[in-house]
Each structure stands twice: as structure tokens, then as C-alpha cells.
Amino acid sequence: MQVIIYNREKEEGEILNHLSNITNNPSVSERKISKDEFLKGVHQGIPITLGYIPVSFTFGLMAVDGGIPIWMTILISLTNLTSAGQFVGVSLIIADTSLFEITLATFVINIRYMLMSLSLSQKISPKIAPLKRCMMAFGITDEIFTVASLEEQEVTFSYMMGLTICPYFGWALGTILGAMVTSVLPQALQSSMGIALYGMFIALIVPVAKRSKAALVVVIISVLISSSFKFLPCINVISDGWSIIITTIIAATIGAFIFPKEGD
């Protein structure tokens, strides 16, 4: 009996010592925390991924249908994660717009990501290396920023990588599927798929406009200005690239003045 008790106490002591070593070892503890934060990010990124696949599917359809090679369409989605910026950029490429207009238009549309990055930088550790910061910034989209900004704790590199990885590959997967499907469809059906882009934008705009008066007003202003560039004789000579740039700036500026964001 004494031997059994002694052996049990010895085993319990060894287990406690092992747990103590793990707890007191910063490298082991940090790795476990990083893994948990990564998995937490992956879990929160799955719903975003499911939303990205049909949108990027439409992007793949539109790009290939517009004459862009399949490999280039996929490469665009692998090197960009900008949603609206990709749609506008590819639309202007298909319309044979100048490189300067394409660059300026995508810059204006994607400038919001700079503001999101600045905002999120207030929630990350100052010890994070510049290269890791760049990797985190690459993955910032409207949805990823929203989820990350709601975190009450400090946003870590591991968490952001977990939050980004599924949406990134989901966006690429949707693009690949859309590009491949378009390439095997009959030409008549390929041409008809162009309506999917307009349906997608309507599906994105209507719910937001129904909830927000500010969004509704900005959408109406944008439609009026864009229609003016299309139908008014004096300004319908302006290219698509410049009309998008001017419409975006004017509508956003008017919206900011009419509906200023109140301070806390």
C-alpha cells in the first residue's frame, strides 16, 4: 500500500512539474497562445469566405468574358484582395482605358483601406515587425476590418493571419471557378452572364440603402452624376475612368457634408 501511494504521489509530482515547466517556458506558452489566436481567426473568417466565393465567381466570369486570359484573371485575385477595386479595374481594362485612369480610379476606390489600416494600427502591438504589418495590411478588407475592429483585446499577427487566410483562398477559389466555367460555356451564354455583375451590385447596394439614409442619398447622388456623364451632351465625352473617379469623389464628399459622423 505504501509503495502504491508513493508511486502515485511521484507521478502526480512529475505531472505538476511538467505543467509548471510548460507554464514557465515563454516559448511554449507563446506558441500555444499564437495557435489559439490563429484558430480563432480562422473560425471568424469562415463566414466571410462563404460570402466571398459567389462575388469572386462573378468577377472571374466578367474578366474572362471581357477577354482577359484565365491565368491573368486568377493572378489578379491572388495579388489583390480589393473586391470593388478589382471589378472597376478590370472593367476599365476591358474598356481599353489608359493606365493612368485605371491607376487613379482604383486608388480612389481603395483609399478607404488606408484609413482602415490606420485605425486598426491602434489595436496592434508596437512590437510587431514591419514585414508582419505589411502582411496584415494586405489582408484588410471591409469585412475583415469590421471583424478585427470588434475585437476587445489586442489584435495579434497570428489572429489576423487566421482571419485572412480563408477569405483570401475563398476569393481565389471563386475566381478560378468563375473563370473556368466561363471558358467552357457557349459564347451566347457567356455574353448573357454579364448581367450577373449588375445583379451583384444591386444585391450589395439595396440592403445597405434600406438600412441607412446616408447610404441611400449617396447612391442616388452617384446614379445622377453617373447618368449625367452618360447622357448630357456637354460631358458625355469624358472617359469611363474619369467619370468613375469624379463620381466617387463628388458623391462621397457630398455625403460627408450632409451626414457628418458625430463624435463619441
Protein backbone atom coordinates (compact mmCIF):
# COMPACT_ATOMS: atom_id res chain seq x y z
CA MET A 1 0.00 0.00 0.00
CA GLN A 2 2.80 2.43 0.87
CA VAL A 3 4.51 1.63 -2.44
CA ILE A 4 1.33 2.36 -4.39
CA ILE A 5 0.78 5.67 -2.58
CA TYR A 6 4.41 6.62 -3.08
CA ASN A 7 4.28 5.86 -6.81
CA ARG A 8 1.03 7.81 -7.21
CA GLU A 9 2.46 10.83 -5.39
CA LYS A 10 5.58 10.60 -7.53
CA GLU A 11 3.56 10.52 -10.75
CA GLU A 12 1.44 13.49 -9.62
CA GLY A 13 4.57 15.40 -8.75
CA GLU A 14 6.08 14.72 -12.17
CA ILE A 15 2.89 15.87 -13.90
CA LEU A 16 2.80 19.07 -11.85
CA ASN A 17 6.47 19.71 -12.61
CA HIS A 18 5.84 19.18 -16.32
CA LEU A 19 2.89 21.57 -16.32
CA SER A 20 4.96 24.08 -14.36
CA ASN A 21 7.75 23.87 -16.92
CA ILE A 22 5.31 24.48 -19.77
CA THR A 23 3.76 27.45 -17.99
CA ASN A 24 7.12 28.95 -17.08
CA ASN A 25 8.57 28.40 -20.55
CA PRO A 26 7.67 31.54 -22.58
CA SER A 27 8.31 29.92 -25.97
CA VAL A 28 5.91 27.02 -25.35
CA SER A 29 3.29 29.28 -23.82
CA GLU A 30 3.54 31.82 -26.65
CA ARG A 31 3.25 29.13 -29.30
CA LYS A 32 0.08 27.80 -27.68
CA ILE A 33 -1.40 31.30 -27.47
CA SER A 34 -0.48 32.01 -31.10
CA LYS A 35 -2.09 28.76 -32.21
CA ASP A 36 -5.28 29.52 -30.30
CA GLU A 37 -5.45 33.03 -31.74
CA PHE A 38 -4.84 31.71 -35.27
CA LEU A 39 -7.64 29.15 -34.92
CA LYS A 40 -9.93 31.85 -33.52
CA GLY A 41 -9.23 33.98 -36.59
CA VAL A 42 -9.88 31.04 -38.92
CA HIS A 43 -13.21 30.37 -37.21
CA GLN A 44 -14.30 34.00 -37.57
CA GLY A 45 -13.12 34.15 -41.20
CA ILE A 46 -15.21 31.22 -42.46
CA PRO A 47 -18.48 33.25 -42.84
CA ILE A 48 -16.54 35.91 -44.77
CA THR A 49 -15.17 33.19 -47.04
CA LEU A 50 -18.66 31.89 -47.84
CA GLY A 51 -19.69 35.41 -48.82
CA TYR A 52 -16.61 35.99 -50.98
CA ILE A 53 -16.90 32.89 -53.19
CA PRO A 54 -20.04 33.93 -55.17
CA VAL A 55 -18.76 37.51 -55.57
CA SER A 56 -15.35 36.41 -56.86
CA PHE A 57 -17.12 33.83 -59.05
CA THR A 58 -18.85 36.75 -60.75
CA PHE A 59 -15.50 38.53 -61.07
CA GLY A 60 -14.00 35.50 -62.82
CA LEU A 61 -16.96 35.36 -65.19
CA MET A 62 -16.75 39.05 -66.05
CA ALA A 63 -12.99 39.17 -66.55
CA VAL A 64 -12.74 36.13 -68.83
CA ASP A 65 -15.87 37.13 -70.72
CA GLY A 66 -14.24 40.54 -71.32
CA GLY A 67 -11.24 38.93 -72.98
CA ILE A 68 -8.76 38.71 -70.10
CA PRO A 69 -6.87 35.37 -70.09
CA ILE A 70 -7.76 32.86 -67.39
CA TRP A 71 -4.28 32.82 -65.88
CA MET A 72 -4.22 36.62 -65.65
CA THR A 73 -7.68 36.72 -64.06
CA ILE A 74 -6.56 34.26 -61.38
CA LEU A 75 -3.30 36.18 -60.87
CA ILE A 76 -5.26 39.39 -60.29
CA SER A 77 -7.22 37.76 -57.47
CA LEU A 78 -4.10 36.19 -55.98
CA THR A 79 -2.27 39.51 -55.84
CA ASN A 80 -5.27 41.67 -54.91
CA LEU A 81 -7.99 41.39 -52.32
CA THR A 82 -9.94 44.52 -53.13
CA SER A 83 -13.37 43.41 -54.38
CA ALA A 84 -14.83 46.65 -55.81
CA GLY A 85 -11.36 47.81 -56.86
CA GLN A 86 -10.86 44.64 -58.90
CA PHE A 87 -14.25 44.98 -60.60
CA VAL A 88 -13.64 48.59 -61.53
CA GLY A 89 -10.04 47.99 -62.58
CA VAL A 90 -10.93 45.06 -64.83
CA SER A 91 -13.91 46.94 -66.27
CA LEU A 92 -11.60 49.78 -67.27
CA ILE A 93 -9.05 47.35 -68.70
CA ILE A 94 -11.76 45.75 -70.83
CA ALA A 95 -12.86 49.23 -71.95
CA ASP A 96 -9.25 49.91 -73.05
CA THR A 97 -8.87 52.85 -70.67
CA SER A 98 -5.49 54.48 -70.16
CA LEU A 99 -3.17 53.13 -67.48
CA PHE A 100 -3.21 56.45 -65.62
CA GLU A 101 -7.01 56.46 -65.37
CA ILE A 102 -7.06 52.84 -64.18
CA THR A 103 -4.45 53.60 -61.54
CA LEU A 104 -6.20 56.73 -60.29
CA ALA A 105 -9.66 55.13 -60.28
CA THR A 106 -8.53 52.09 -58.28
CA PHE A 107 -6.59 54.36 -55.91
CA VAL A 108 -9.67 56.47 -55.18
CA ILE A 109 -11.86 53.41 -54.66
CA ASN A 110 -9.31 51.59 -52.48
CA ILE A 111 -8.18 54.60 -50.44
CA ARG A 112 -10.56 53.52 -47.69
CA TYR A 113 -8.19 50.64 -46.93
CA MET A 114 -5.56 53.17 -45.89
CA LEU A 115 -7.97 54.60 -43.33
CA MET A 116 -8.87 51.11 -42.12
CA SER A 117 -5.20 50.22 -41.72
CA LEU A 118 -4.54 53.38 -39.73
CA SER A 119 -7.50 52.66 -37.49
CA LEU A 120 -6.52 49.02 -36.92
CA SER A 121 -2.90 50.00 -36.22
CA GLN A 122 -4.11 51.42 -32.91
CA LYS A 123 -5.09 47.92 -31.78
CA ILE A 124 -1.90 46.04 -32.63
CA SER A 125 1.28 45.68 -30.59
CA PRO A 126 4.06 48.17 -31.40
CA LYS A 127 6.49 45.23 -31.26
CA ILE A 128 5.14 43.70 -34.48
CA ALA A 129 7.80 43.84 -37.20
CA PRO A 130 7.22 45.98 -40.34
CA LEU A 131 7.07 42.92 -42.63
CA LYS A 132 4.32 41.38 -40.50
CA ARG A 133 2.47 44.70 -40.51
CA CYS A 134 2.57 44.70 -44.32
CA MET A 135 1.19 41.16 -44.39
CA MET A 136 -1.61 42.19 -42.05
CA ALA A 137 -2.39 45.27 -44.16
CA PHE A 138 -2.59 43.19 -47.36
CA GLY A 139 -5.44 41.17 -45.89
CA ILE A 140 -7.58 44.11 -44.78
CA THR A 141 -10.95 44.27 -46.50
CA ASP A 142 -14.22 45.84 -45.38
CA GLU A 143 -15.41 42.60 -43.78
CA ILE A 144 -12.08 41.58 -42.24
CA PHE A 145 -11.58 45.07 -40.83
CA THR A 146 -15.06 45.04 -39.30
CA VAL A 147 -14.48 41.71 -37.55
CA ALA A 148 -10.98 42.66 -36.36
CA SER A 149 -12.05 46.09 -35.10
CA LEU A 150 -14.72 44.48 -32.92
CA GLU A 151 -12.05 42.55 -31.00
CA GLU A 152 -11.84 43.84 -27.44
CA GLN A 153 -8.31 42.54 -26.96
CA GLU A 154 -5.14 43.46 -28.79
CA VAL A 155 -5.12 42.29 -32.41
CA THR A 156 -2.17 39.95 -32.93
CA PHE A 157 -0.36 38.81 -36.07
CA SER A 158 -1.50 35.21 -35.57
CA TYR A 159 -5.13 36.25 -35.23
CA MET A 160 -5.02 38.41 -38.38
CA MET A 161 -3.38 35.63 -40.41
CA GLY A 162 -6.08 33.21 -39.30
CA LEU A 163 -8.80 35.75 -40.08
CA THR A 164 -7.34 36.46 -43.54
CA ILE A 165 -6.29 33.06 -44.84
CA CYS A 166 -9.74 31.57 -45.51
CA PRO A 167 -11.22 34.68 -47.20
CA TYR A 168 -8.06 35.01 -49.32
CA PHE A 169 -8.23 31.47 -50.68
CA GLY A 170 -12.03 31.67 -50.88
CA TRP A 171 -11.74 34.73 -53.11
CA ALA A 172 -9.16 32.95 -55.28
CA LEU A 173 -11.28 29.78 -55.44
CA GLY A 174 -14.37 31.70 -56.56
CA THR A 175 -12.34 33.45 -59.25
CA ILE A 176 -10.94 30.14 -60.53
CA LEU A 177 -14.40 28.57 -60.68
CA GLY A 178 -15.89 31.59 -62.46
CA ALA A 179 -13.05 31.77 -64.96
CA MET A 180 -13.15 28.03 -65.70
CA VAL A 181 -16.93 27.93 -66.05
CA THR A 182 -16.92 30.85 -68.47
CA SER A 183 -14.28 29.22 -70.65
CA VAL A 184 -16.45 26.14 -71.28
CA LEU A 185 -19.79 27.92 -71.76
CA PRO A 186 -21.19 28.62 -75.23
CA GLN A 187 -20.49 32.14 -76.50
CA ALA A 188 -24.16 33.17 -76.32
CA LEU A 189 -24.37 32.11 -72.67
CA GLN A 190 -21.04 33.81 -71.88
CA SER A 191 -22.41 37.12 -73.17
CA SER A 192 -25.56 36.77 -71.09
CA MET A 193 -23.52 36.26 -67.91
CA GLY A 194 -22.58 39.95 -67.94
CA ILE A 195 -25.90 40.71 -66.25
CA ALA A 196 -24.63 38.89 -63.14
CA LEU A 197 -22.33 41.81 -62.32
CA TYR A 198 -25.18 44.29 -62.23
CA GLY A 199 -27.29 41.91 -60.19
CA MET A 200 -24.45 41.55 -57.68
CA PHE A 201 -24.06 45.30 -57.23
CA ILE A 202 -27.81 45.72 -56.80
CA ALA A 203 -27.77 42.96 -54.16
CA LEU A 204 -24.97 44.80 -52.34
CA ILE A 205 -26.47 48.28 -52.54
CA VAL A 206 -30.17 47.72 -51.82
CA PRO A 207 -29.90 46.18 -48.31
CA VAL A 208 -27.48 48.89 -47.15
CA ALA A 209 -29.57 51.68 -48.68
CA LYS A 210 -32.69 50.33 -46.93
CA ARG A 211 -30.96 50.47 -43.54
CA SER A 212 -29.08 53.74 -43.94
CA LYS A 213 -30.47 57.04 -45.14
CA ALA A 214 -26.94 58.33 -45.73
CA ALA A 215 -26.11 55.37 -47.97
CA LEU A 216 -29.35 55.83 -49.90
CA VAL A 217 -28.65 59.52 -50.54
CA VAL A 218 -25.06 58.81 -51.66
CA VAL A 219 -26.27 56.07 -54.01
CA ILE A 220 -28.88 58.39 -55.56
CA ILE A 221 -26.29 61.17 -55.98
CA SER A 222 -23.89 58.70 -57.59
CA VAL A 223 -26.56 57.47 -60.01
CA LEU A 224 -27.49 61.02 -61.02
CA ILE A 225 -23.87 62.08 -61.59
CA SER A 226 -23.02 58.88 -63.46
CA SER A 227 -26.13 59.26 -65.65
CA SER A 228 -25.12 62.84 -66.42
CA PHE A 229 -21.75 61.62 -67.74
CA LYS A 230 -23.64 59.18 -69.96
CA PHE A 231 -26.44 61.33 -71.38
CA LEU A 232 -25.54 65.05 -71.15
CA PRO A 233 -24.01 66.16 -74.46
CA CYS A 234 -21.51 68.53 -72.89
CA ILE A 235 -19.83 65.96 -70.64
CA ASN A 236 -20.55 62.57 -72.23
CA VAL A 237 -17.18 62.75 -73.97
CA ILE A 238 -15.41 62.13 -70.65
CA SER A 239 -13.95 58.62 -70.48
CA ASP A 240 -15.30 55.90 -68.19
CA GLY A 241 -12.25 56.07 -65.94
CA TRP A 242 -12.55 59.78 -65.23
CA SER A 243 -16.33 59.59 -64.82
CA ILE A 244 -15.91 56.92 -62.12
CA ILE A 245 -13.24 58.98 -60.35
CA ILE A 246 -15.25 62.21 -60.44
CA THR A 247 -18.49 60.50 -59.44
CA THR A 248 -16.86 58.76 -56.47
CA ILE A 249 -15.20 61.94 -55.16
CA ILE A 250 -18.26 64.18 -55.57
CA ALA A 251 -20.77 61.68 -54.11
CA ALA A 252 -18.53 60.82 -51.15
CA THR A 253 -17.82 64.49 -50.43
CA ILE A 254 -21.48 65.48 -50.53
CA GLY A 255 -22.35 62.54 -48.31
CA ALA A 256 -19.68 63.54 -45.79
CA PHE A 257 -21.03 67.09 -45.60
CA ILE A 258 -24.70 66.12 -45.37
CA PHE A 259 -24.18 63.25 -42.94
CA PRO A 260 -21.08 64.03 -40.84
CA LYS A 261 -20.11 61.35 -38.35
CA GLU A 262 -20.75 62.55 -34.83
CA GLY A 263 -18.04 62.22 -32.24
CA ASP A 264 -18.31 59.84 -29.29
